[in-house]
PDB file of N, CA and C in Angstrom:
ATOM      1  N   MET A   1     146.566 128.770   6.209  1.00  0.00           N
ATOM      2  CA  MET A   1     145.947 127.943   7.015  1.00  0.00           C
ATOM      3  C   MET A   1     145.977 127.755   8.505  1.00  0.00           C
ATOM      4  N   LEU A   2     145.023 127.776   9.130  1.00  0.00           N
ATOM      5  CA  LEU A   2     144.739 127.827  10.484  1.00  0.00           C
ATOM      6  C   LEU A   2     143.914 127.138  11.084  1.00  0.00           C
ATOM      7  N   ALA A   3     143.817 126.563  11.956  1.00  0.00           N
ATOM      8  CA  ALA A   3     142.995 125.483  12.593  1.00  0.00           C
ATOM      9  C   ALA A   3     142.753 126.041  14.341  1.00  0.00           C
ATOM     10  N   ILE A   4     141.533 126.309  14.626  1.00  0.00           N
ATOM     11  CA  ILE A   4     141.396 126.808  16.073  1.00  0.00           C
ATOM     12  C   ILE A   4     140.293 126.153  16.460  1.00  0.00           C
ATOM     13  N   ARG A   5     140.462 126.000  17.935  1.00  0.00           N
ATOM     14  CA  ARG A   5     139.520 125.011  18.761  1.00  0.00           C
ATOM     15  C   ARG A   5     138.496 125.933  19.701  1.00  0.00           C
ATOM     16  N   LEU A   6     137.491 125.894  19.590  1.00  0.00           N
ATOM     17  CA  LEU A   6     136.417 126.837  19.927  1.00  0.00           C
ATOM     18  C   LEU A   6     135.711 126.323  21.120  1.00  0.00           C
ATOM     19  N   ASP A   7     135.447 126.667  22.177  1.00  0.00           N
ATOM     20  CA  ASP A   7     134.489 126.083  23.083  1.00  0.00           C
ATOM     21  C   ASP A   7     132.922 125.898  22.444  1.00  0.00           C
ATOM     22  N   PRO A   8     132.352 124.759  22.675  1.00  0.00           N
ATOM     23  CA  PRO A   8     131.314 124.918  22.065  1.00  0.00           C
ATOM     24  C   PRO A   8     130.202 125.633  22.332  1.00  0.00           C
ATOM     25  N   GLU A   9     130.245 126.423  23.226  1.00  0.00           N
ATOM     26  CA  GLU A   9     128.840 127.389  23.268  1.00  0.00           C
ATOM     27  C   GLU A   9     129.616 128.753  22.335  1.00  0.00           C
ATOM     28  N   ILE A  10     130.665 128.978  22.099  1.00  0.00           N
ATOM     29  CA  ILE A  10     131.195 129.840  21.075  1.00  0.00           C
ATOM     30  C   ILE A  10     131.016 129.127  19.701  1.00  0.00           C
ATOM     31  N   GLU A  11     131.105 127.642  19.508  1.00  0.00           N
ATOM     32  CA  GLU A  11     131.231 127.302  18.114  1.00  0.00           C
ATOM     33  C   GLU A  11     129.880 127.362  17.549  1.00  0.00           C
ATOM     34  N   ASN A  12     129.006 127.037  18.495  1.00  0.00           N
ATOM     35  CA  ASN A  12     127.616 127.186  18.193  1.00  0.00           C
ATOM     36  C   ASN A  12     127.091 128.370  17.843  1.00  0.00           C
ATOM     37  N   ARG A  13     126.811 129.920  18.370  1.00  0.00           N
ATOM     38  CA  ARG A  13     127.303 130.936  18.650  1.00  0.00           C
ATOM     39  C   ARG A  13     127.375 131.657  16.983  1.00  0.00           C
ATOM     40  N   LEU A  14     128.794 130.713  16.907  1.00  0.00           N
ATOM     41  CA  LEU A  14     129.623 131.443  15.361  1.00  0.00           C
ATOM     42  C   LEU A  14     128.690 130.542  14.096  1.00  0.00           C
ATOM     43  N   THR A  15     128.354 129.131  14.229  1.00  0.00           N
ATOM     44  CA  THR A  15     127.265 128.327  13.582  1.00  0.00           C
ATOM     45  C   THR A  15     125.650 129.382  13.672  1.00  0.00           C
ATOM     46  N   LEU A  16     125.739 129.621  14.714  1.00  0.00           N
ATOM     47  CA  LEU A  16     123.926 130.187  14.254  1.00  0.00           C
ATOM     48  C   LEU A  16     124.118 131.457  13.003  1.00  0.00           C
ATOM     49  N   LEU A  17     125.268 132.381  13.832  1.00  0.00           N
ATOM     50  CA  LEU A  17     125.365 133.511  12.881  1.00  0.00           C
ATOM     51  C   LEU A  17     125.794 133.403  11.911  1.00  0.00           C
ATOM     52  N   ALA A  18     126.079 132.788  11.246  1.00  0.00           N
ATOM     53  CA  ALA A  18     126.782 132.219   9.962  1.00  0.00           C
ATOM     54  C   ALA A  18     125.374 131.954   8.889  1.00  0.00           C
ATOM     55  N   GLN A  19     124.350 131.045   9.837  1.00  0.00           N
ATOM     56  CA  GLN A  19     123.246 130.534   9.469  1.00  0.00           C
ATOM     57  C   GLN A  19     122.805 131.408   8.827  1.00  0.00           C
ATOM     58  N   ARG A  20     122.274 132.161   9.589  1.00  0.00           N
ATOM     59  CA  ARG A  20     121.438 133.254   9.802  1.00  0.00           C
ATOM     60  C   ARG A  20     121.930 134.666   8.862  1.00  0.00           C
ATOM     61  N   THR A  21     122.954 134.436   8.795  1.00  0.00           N
ATOM     62  CA  THR A  21     123.855 135.826   7.476  1.00  0.00           C
ATOM     63  C   THR A  21     124.222 135.425   6.312  1.00  0.00           C
ATOM     64  N   GLY A  22     124.174 133.830   6.454  1.00  0.00           N
ATOM     65  CA  GLY A  22     124.394 133.498   5.078  1.00  0.00           C
ATOM     66  C   GLY A  22     125.793 133.651   4.351  1.00  0.00           C
ATOM     67  N   ARG A  23     126.727 134.234   5.526  1.00  0.00           N
ATOM     68  CA  ARG A  23     128.169 133.944   5.539  1.00  0.00           C
ATOM     69  C   ARG A  23     128.592 132.888   6.079  1.00  0.00           C
ATOM     70  N   THR A  24     130.370 132.383   5.800  1.00  0.00           N
ATOM     71  CA  THR A  24     130.728 131.314   6.463  1.00  0.00           C
ATOM     72  C   THR A  24     131.225 131.430   7.942  1.00  0.00           C
ATOM     73  N   LYS A  25     131.795 130.569   8.484  1.00  0.00           N
ATOM     74  CA  LYS A  25     132.533 130.724   9.997  1.00  0.00           C
ATOM     75  C   LYS A  25     133.766 131.421   9.651  1.00  0.00           C
ATOM     76  N   THR A  26     134.215 130.951   8.165  1.00  0.00           N
ATOM     77  CA  THR A  26     135.520 131.421   7.981  1.00  0.00           C
ATOM     78  C   THR A  26     135.438 132.746   8.204  1.00  0.00           C
ATOM     79  N   PHE A  27     134.548 133.257   7.663  1.00  0.00           N
ATOM     80  CA  PHE A  27     134.380 134.822   7.289  1.00  0.00           C
ATOM     81  C   PHE A  27     134.739 135.185   8.285  1.00  0.00           C
ATOM     82  N   TYR A  28     133.861 134.839   9.482  1.00  0.00           N
ATOM     83  CA  TYR A  28     133.469 135.589  10.811  1.00  0.00           C
ATOM     84  C   TYR A  28     135.007 135.702  11.579  1.00  0.00           C
ATOM     85  N   ALA A  29     135.525 134.079  11.717  1.00  0.00           N
ATOM     86  CA  ALA A  29     137.128 134.169  12.234  1.00  0.00           C
ATOM     87  C   ALA A  29     137.926 135.189  11.930  1.00  0.00           C
ATOM     88  N   ARG A  30     137.992 135.194  10.134  1.00  0.00           N
ATOM     89  CA  ARG A  30     138.631 136.538  10.001  1.00  0.00           C
ATOM     90  C   ARG A  30     138.813 137.695  10.208  1.00  0.00           C
ATOM     91  N   GLU A  31     137.322 138.276   9.852  1.00  0.00           N
ATOM     92  CA  GLU A  31     136.837 139.173  10.596  1.00  0.00           C
ATOM     93  C   GLU A  31     136.967 139.684  12.176  1.00  0.00           C
ATOM     94  N   ALA A  32     137.027 138.709  12.827  1.00  0.00           N
ATOM     95  CA  ALA A  32     137.421 138.612  14.336  1.00  0.00           C
ATOM     96  C   ALA A  32     138.639 139.257  14.687  1.00  0.00           C
ATOM     97  N   ILE A  33     139.547 138.176  13.815  1.00  0.00           N
ATOM     98  CA  ILE A  33     141.066 138.359  13.557  1.00  0.00           C
ATOM     99  C   ILE A  33     141.880 139.581  13.556  1.00  0.00           C
ATOM    100  N   LEU A  34     141.573 140.014  12.220  1.00  0.00           N
ATOM    101  CA  LEU A  34     141.804 141.260  11.517  1.00  0.00           C
ATOM    102  C   LEU A  34     141.412 142.451  12.576  1.00  0.00           C
ATOM    103  N   GLU A  35     139.767 142.382  12.978  1.00  0.00           N
ATOM    104  CA  GLU A  35     139.872 143.593  14.203  1.00  0.00           C
ATOM    105  C   GLU A  35     140.521 143.812  15.519  1.00  0.00           C
ATOM    106  N   HIS A  36     141.076 142.577  15.661  1.00  0.00           N
ATOM    107  CA  HIS A  36     141.745 142.932  16.951  1.00  0.00           C
ATOM    108  C   HIS A  36     142.648 142.712  16.708  1.00  0.00           C
ATOM    109  N   LEU A  37     143.642 142.111  15.436  1.00  0.00           N
ATOM    110  CA  LEU A  37     145.196 142.173  15.790  1.00  0.00           C
ATOM    111  C   LEU A  37     145.784 143.428  15.477  1.00  0.00           C
ATOM    112  N   GLU A  38     145.464 144.632  15.132  1.00  0.00           N
ATOM    113  CA  GLU A  38     146.392 145.987  15.067  1.00  0.00           C
ATOM    114  C   GLU A  38     146.582 145.805  16.428  1.00  0.00           C
ATOM    115  N   ASP A  39     145.236 146.174  17.134  1.00  0.00           N
ATOM    116  CA  ASP A  39     145.060 146.384  18.859  1.00  0.00           C
ATOM    117  C   ASP A  39     146.081 145.782  19.398  1.00  0.00           C
ATOM    118  N   LEU A  40     145.976 144.113  19.191  1.00  0.00           N
ATOM    119  CA  LEU A  40     147.529 143.411  19.944  1.00  0.00           C
ATOM    120  C   LEU A  40     148.808 143.861  19.748  1.00  0.00           C
ATOM    121  N   GLU A  41     148.730 144.184  18.001  1.00  0.00           N
ATOM    122  CA  GLU A  41     150.361 144.725  18.022  1.00  0.00           C
ATOM    123  C   GLU A  41     150.671 145.932  18.669  1.00  0.00           C
ATOM    124  N   ASP A  42     150.026 146.861  18.476  1.00  0.00           N
ATOM    125  CA  ASP A  42     150.139 147.975  19.524  1.00  0.00           C
ATOM    126  C   ASP A  42     149.969 147.423  20.722  1.00  0.00           C
ATOM    127  N   ILE A  43     149.395 146.746  21.365  1.00  0.00           N
ATOM    128  CA  ILE A  43     150.372 146.483  22.956  1.00  0.00           C
ATOM    129  C   ILE A  43     150.926 145.943  23.109  1.00  0.00           C
ATOM    130  N   TYR A  44     151.727 145.378  22.634  1.00  0.00           N
ATOM    131  CA  TYR A  44     152.687 144.476  22.718  1.00  0.00           C
ATOM    132  C   TYR A  44     154.305 145.114  22.078  1.00  0.00           C
ATOM    133  N   MET A  45     153.689 146.144  21.204  1.00  0.00           N
ATOM    134  CA  MET A  45     154.997 146.903  20.787  1.00  0.00           C
ATOM    135  C   MET A  45     154.967 147.851  22.320  1.00  0.00           C
ATOM    136  N   ALA A  46     153.832 148.642  22.588  1.00  0.00           N
ATOM    137  CA  ALA A  46     154.196 149.752  23.642  1.00  0.00           C
ATOM    138  C   ALA A  46     154.443 148.950  24.877  1.00  0.00           C
ATOM    139  N   LYS A  47     154.413 147.835  25.305  1.00  0.00           N
ATOM    140  CA  LYS A  47     154.917 146.972  26.810  1.00  0.00           C
ATOM    141  C   LYS A  47     156.570 146.869  26.342  1.00  0.00           C
ATOM    142  N   LYS A  48     156.812 146.428  24.979  1.00  0.00           N
ATOM    143  CA  LYS A  48     158.303 146.300  24.550  1.00  0.00           C
ATOM    144  C   LYS A  48     158.899 147.639  25.030  1.00  0.00           C
ATOM    145  N   VAL A  49     158.414 149.089  24.562  1.00  0.00           N
ATOM    146  CA  VAL A  49     159.044 150.108  24.724  1.00  0.00           C
ATOM    147  C   VAL A  49     159.187 150.591  25.785  1.00  0.00           C
ATOM    148  N   LEU A  50     158.137 150.039  26.902  1.00  0.00           N
ATOM    149  CA  LEU A  50     158.208 150.550  28.078  1.00  0.00           C
ATOM    150  C   LEU A  50     158.665 149.866  28.694  1.00  0.00           C
ATOM    151  N   ALA A  51     159.143 148.436  28.487  1.00  0.00           N
ATOM    152  CA  ALA A  51     160.230 147.580  29.083  1.00  0.00           C
ATOM    153  C   ALA A  51     161.325 147.769  28.925  1.00  0.00           C
ATOM    154  N   GLU A  52     161.888 148.783  27.689  1.00  0.00           N
ATOM    155  CA  GLU A  52     163.437 149.202  27.348  1.00  0.00           C
ATOM    156  C   GLU A  52     163.305 150.529  27.744  1.00  0.00           C
ATOM    157  N   GLY A  53     162.652 151.188  28.438  1.00  0.00           N
ATOM    158  CA  GLY A  53     162.644 152.261  29.469  1.00  0.00           C
ATOM    159  C   GLY A  53     162.647 153.532  28.712  1.00  0.00           C
ATOM    160  N   GLY A  54     161.444 153.207  27.762  1.00  0.00           N
ATOM    161  CA  GLY A  54     160.471 153.904  27.384  1.00  0.00           C
ATOM    162  C   GLY A  54     160.077 155.138  27.780  1.00  0.00           C
ATOM    163  N   ARG A  55     159.849 156.596  27.637  1.00  0.00           N
ATOM    164  CA  ARG A  55     159.255 157.465  28.580  1.00  0.00           C
ATOM    165  C   ARG A  55     157.894 157.349  28.237  1.00  0.00           C
ATOM    166  N   TYR A  56     157.046 157.923  29.506  1.00  0.00           N
ATOM    167  CA  TYR A  56     155.902 158.253  29.766  1.00  0.00           C
ATOM    168  C   TYR A  56     155.389 159.377  29.366  1.00  0.00           C
ATOM    169  N   TYR A  57     154.533 159.615  28.411  1.00  0.00           N
ATOM    170  CA  TYR A  57     154.036 161.521  28.696  1.00  0.00           C
ATOM    171  C   TYR A  57     152.731 161.695  29.108  1.00  0.00           C
ATOM    172  N   SER A  58     152.053 162.140  30.083  1.00  0.00           N
ATOM    173  CA  SER A  58     151.241 162.708  30.124  1.00  0.00           C
ATOM    174  C   SER A  58     149.929 163.867  29.010  1.00  0.00           C
ATOM    175  N   LEU A  59     148.651 163.319  29.550  1.00  0.00           N
ATOM    176  CA  LEU A  59     147.828 163.854  28.039  1.00  0.00           C
ATOM    177  C   LEU A  59     148.093 164.893  28.141  1.00  0.00           C
ATOM    178  N   LYS A  60     148.205 165.862  29.108  1.00  0.00           N
ATOM    179  CA  LYS A  60     148.689 167.384  28.924  1.00  0.00           C
ATOM    180  C   LYS A  60     149.695 167.370  28.068  1.00  0.00           C
ATOM    181  N   GLU A  61     151.005 166.845  27.943  1.00  0.00           N
ATOM    182  CA  GLU A  61     152.036 166.585  27.034  1.00  0.00           C
ATOM    183  C   GLU A  61     151.565 166.547  25.804  1.00  0.00           C
ATOM    184  N   ILE A  62     150.887 165.316  25.831  1.00  0.00           N
ATOM    185  CA  ILE A  62     150.351 164.963  24.169  1.00  0.00           C
ATOM    186  C   ILE A  62     149.658 165.922  23.427  1.00  0.00           C
ATOM    187  N   LYS A  63     148.793 166.566  24.475  1.00  0.00           N
ATOM    188  CA  LYS A  63     147.727 167.692  23.679  1.00  0.00           C
ATOM    189  C   LYS A  63     148.715 168.781  23.616  1.00  0.00           C
ATOM    190  N   SER A  64     149.449 169.573  24.388  1.00  0.00           N
ATOM    191  CA  SER A  64     150.621 170.343  23.823  1.00  0.00           C
ATOM    192  C   SER A  64     151.220 170.106  22.853  1.00  0.00           C
ATOM    193  N   GLU A  65     151.764 168.800  22.517  1.00  0.00           N
ATOM    194  CA  GLU A  65     152.660 168.568  21.201  1.00  0.00           C
ATOM    195  C   GLU A  65     151.648 168.624  20.044  1.00  0.00           C
ATOM    196  N   LEU A  66     150.304 168.585  20.028  1.00  0.00           N
ATOM    197  CA  LEU A  66     149.544 168.120  19.021  1.00  0.00           C
ATOM    198  C   LEU A  66     148.783 169.526  18.862  1.00  0.00           C
ATOM    199  N   GLY A  67     149.168 170.119  19.808  1.00  0.00           N
ATOM    200  CA  GLY A  67     148.375 171.418  19.477  1.00  0.00           C
ATOM    201  C   GLY A  67     146.861 171.629  19.836  1.00  0.00           C
ATOM    202  N   LEU A  68     146.427 170.866  20.588  1.00  0.00           N
ATOM    203  CA  LEU A  68     144.855 170.509  20.993  1.00  0.00           C
ATOM    204  C   LEU A  68     144.820 171.236  22.191  1.00  0.00           C
TER     205      LEU A  68
END
């Protein structure tokens, strides 16, 4: 279970979208979270690796390693 507070403008947009499409606001909130969760996890993991002294790779190195 999760409860979130939204600005009135966002709440209104979400309500209108739900009404127009016959879906629930919960459906769209879940979709939005799932859409961005993986990206956020990747960002935090990358920041952690870099903070711990992870190596930077150039685009040229990556292409070479992948055979592109």
